[in-house]
C-alpha cells in the first residue's frame, strides 16, 4: 500500500533540496539508491508522490538534517520551513500507518472469551 503525499510546489522544492543534499553527503550505497528511488517517485511540479511509511520517514530524516545544518550555521529562519515540512510529512506517515498498519487487538486467553468491555460492565477486573 502506498500513500499519496501532497505538498505545495514550494514544499516540494525544499524536499528536493533535502534529498539531493543527503544523496551528495551519504556514504552508504544502499541509502543513496533508496533516496534516488524516492527522488524519482516525487512529481516536484505538482508536489505529489506515492510513498510508503519507510520512504516518508527517510524524507523526514533528510528534512530534519538539512534544517539542523541551517540551525548550526545560525540561519534559524531558513531552517523553520524545513522543520515544518518534516512535521507535515511525519504527520502524513502516522495517518498512513494508522490506516494500513497492523491492528493491535487486546485478547486475554482462557476459556472465557468475553470482551474486556463486557467484563468491565459485569464488574470483573480485567
Protein backbone atom coordinates (compact mmCIF):
# COMPACT_ATOMS: atom_id res chain seq x y z
CA UNK A 1 0.00 0.00 0.00
CA UNK A 2 1.16 3.48 -0.85
CA UNK A 3 0.02 6.82 0.49
CA UNK A 4 -0.35 9.88 -1.69
CA UNK A 5 1.77 12.62 -0.20
CA UNK A 6 0.60 16.06 -1.30
CA UNK A 7 2.90 19.05 -0.94
CA UNK A 8 2.74 22.60 -2.19
CA UNK A 9 5.24 23.22 -5.01
CA UNK A 10 7.43 25.34 -2.71
CA UNK A 11 7.49 22.50 -0.17
CA UNK A 12 8.33 20.01 -2.92
CA UNK A 13 11.36 22.11 -3.89
CA UNK A 14 12.58 22.06 -0.29
CA UNK A 15 12.10 18.27 -0.18
CA UNK A 16 14.13 18.02 -3.40
CA UNK A 17 16.91 20.17 -1.88
CA UNK A 18 16.98 17.98 1.24
CA UNK A 19 17.08 14.71 -0.73
CA UNK A 20 19.79 15.95 -3.12
CA UNK A 21 21.85 17.20 -0.19
CA UNK A 22 21.58 13.81 1.53
CA UNK A 23 22.45 11.92 -1.68
CA UNK A 24 25.60 14.02 -2.02
CA UNK A 25 26.64 13.59 1.63
CA UNK A 26 25.84 9.95 2.37
CA UNK A 27 28.46 7.23 2.11
CA UNK A 28 26.00 4.33 2.14
CA UNK A 29 25.31 2.92 -1.36
CA UNK A 30 22.02 1.42 -0.13
CA UNK A 31 20.83 4.76 1.26
CA UNK A 32 21.87 6.54 -1.97
CA UNK A 33 19.94 4.07 -4.09
CA UNK A 34 16.87 4.32 -1.85
CA UNK A 35 17.00 8.13 -1.95
CA UNK A 36 17.30 8.05 -5.74
CA UNK A 37 14.20 5.83 -5.94
CA UNK A 38 12.27 8.24 -3.70
CA UNK A 39 13.51 11.23 -5.70
CA UNK A 40 12.20 9.64 -8.92
CA UNK A 41 8.78 8.94 -7.35
CA UNK A 42 8.12 12.59 -6.49
CA UNK A 43 6.46 14.84 -9.07
CA UNK A 44 8.09 18.10 -8.00
CA UNK A 45 5.98 20.28 -10.31
CA UNK A 46 2.73 19.05 -8.72
CA UNK A 47 4.13 18.21 -5.29
CA UNK A 48 2.70 14.69 -5.22
CA UNK A 49 4.18 11.26 -4.63
CA UNK A 50 3.01 7.72 -3.87
CA UNK A 51 5.14 6.66 -0.89
CA UNK A 52 5.12 4.08 1.88
CA UNK A 53 5.92 4.71 5.52
CA UNK A 54 9.64 3.96 5.25
CA UNK A 55 10.05 6.33 2.31
CA UNK A 56 8.23 9.10 4.16
CA UNK A 57 10.44 8.52 7.21
CA UNK A 58 13.55 8.88 5.06
CA UNK A 59 12.23 12.19 3.70
CA UNK A 60 11.62 13.37 7.28
CA UNK A 61 15.21 12.46 8.19
CA UNK A 62 16.58 14.40 5.20
CA UNK A 63 14.48 17.46 6.02
CA UNK A 64 15.48 17.43 9.68
CA UNK A 65 19.14 17.01 8.79
CA UNK A 66 19.25 20.00 6.44
CA UNK A 67 17.26 22.08 8.94
CA UNK A 68 19.76 21.18 11.66
CA UNK A 69 22.62 22.30 9.40
CA UNK A 70 20.93 25.67 8.98
CA UNK A 71 20.48 25.98 12.75
CA UNK A 72 24.16 25.17 13.38
CA UNK A 73 25.13 27.86 10.88
CA UNK A 74 22.95 30.43 12.68
CA UNK A 75 20.26 30.55 9.98
CA UNK A 76 17.20 29.70 12.05
CA UNK A 77 14.78 31.47 9.67
CA UNK A 78 15.96 29.24 6.84
CA UNK A 79 15.56 26.12 9.00
CA UNK A 80 11.95 26.70 10.10
CA UNK A 81 10.29 25.76 6.77
CA UNK A 82 12.27 22.51 6.64
CA UNK A 83 11.20 21.60 10.18
CA UNK A 84 7.57 22.45 9.30
CA UNK A 85 7.61 20.27 6.18
CA UNK A 86 9.24 17.45 8.16
CA UNK A 87 6.39 17.71 10.68
CA UNK A 88 3.82 17.62 7.86
CA UNK A 89 5.38 14.54 6.23
CA UNK A 90 5.70 12.84 9.63
CA UNK A 91 2.01 13.53 10.30
CA UNK A 92 1.10 12.01 6.92
CA UNK A 93 3.22 8.96 7.76
CA UNK A 94 1.32 8.50 11.04
CA UNK A 95 -2.00 8.69 9.17
CA UNK A 96 -0.72 6.12 6.67
CA UNK A 97 0.38 3.78 9.46
CA UNK A 98 -2.92 4.16 11.32
CA UNK A 99 -4.83 3.31 8.16
CA UNK A 100 -2.72 0.50 6.73
CA UNK A 101 -0.66 -0.72 9.68
CA UNK A 102 -1.40 -3.81 11.73
CA UNK A 103 -4.26 -3.54 14.18
CA UNK A 104 -3.33 -4.45 17.75
CA UNK A 105 -6.11 -6.33 19.49
CA UNK A 106 -6.41 -6.92 23.19
CA UNK A 107 -7.05 -10.59 23.92
CA UNK A 108 -6.93 -12.35 27.24
CA UNK A 109 -6.53 -16.10 26.83
CA UNK A 110 -8.54 -18.71 28.65
CA UNK A 111 -11.86 -20.39 28.27
CA UNK A 112 -13.88 -17.20 28.81
CA UNK A 113 -13.78 -15.24 25.51
CA UNK A 114 -15.85 -12.23 26.61
CA UNK A 115 -14.57 -8.84 25.52
CA UNK A 116 -12.89 -6.54 28.04
CA UNK A 117 -15.83 -4.16 27.86
CA UNK A 118 -18.31 -6.87 28.81
CA UNK A 119 -16.10 -7.88 31.71
CA UNK A 120 -15.92 -4.31 32.97
CA UNK A 121 -19.69 -3.97 32.79
CA UNK A 122 -20.05 -7.16 34.80
CA UNK A 123 -17.72 -5.73 37.45
CA UNK A 124 -14.90 -8.20 36.84
CA UNK A 125 -11.38 -6.81 36.84
CA UNK A 126 -9.53 -7.07 33.57
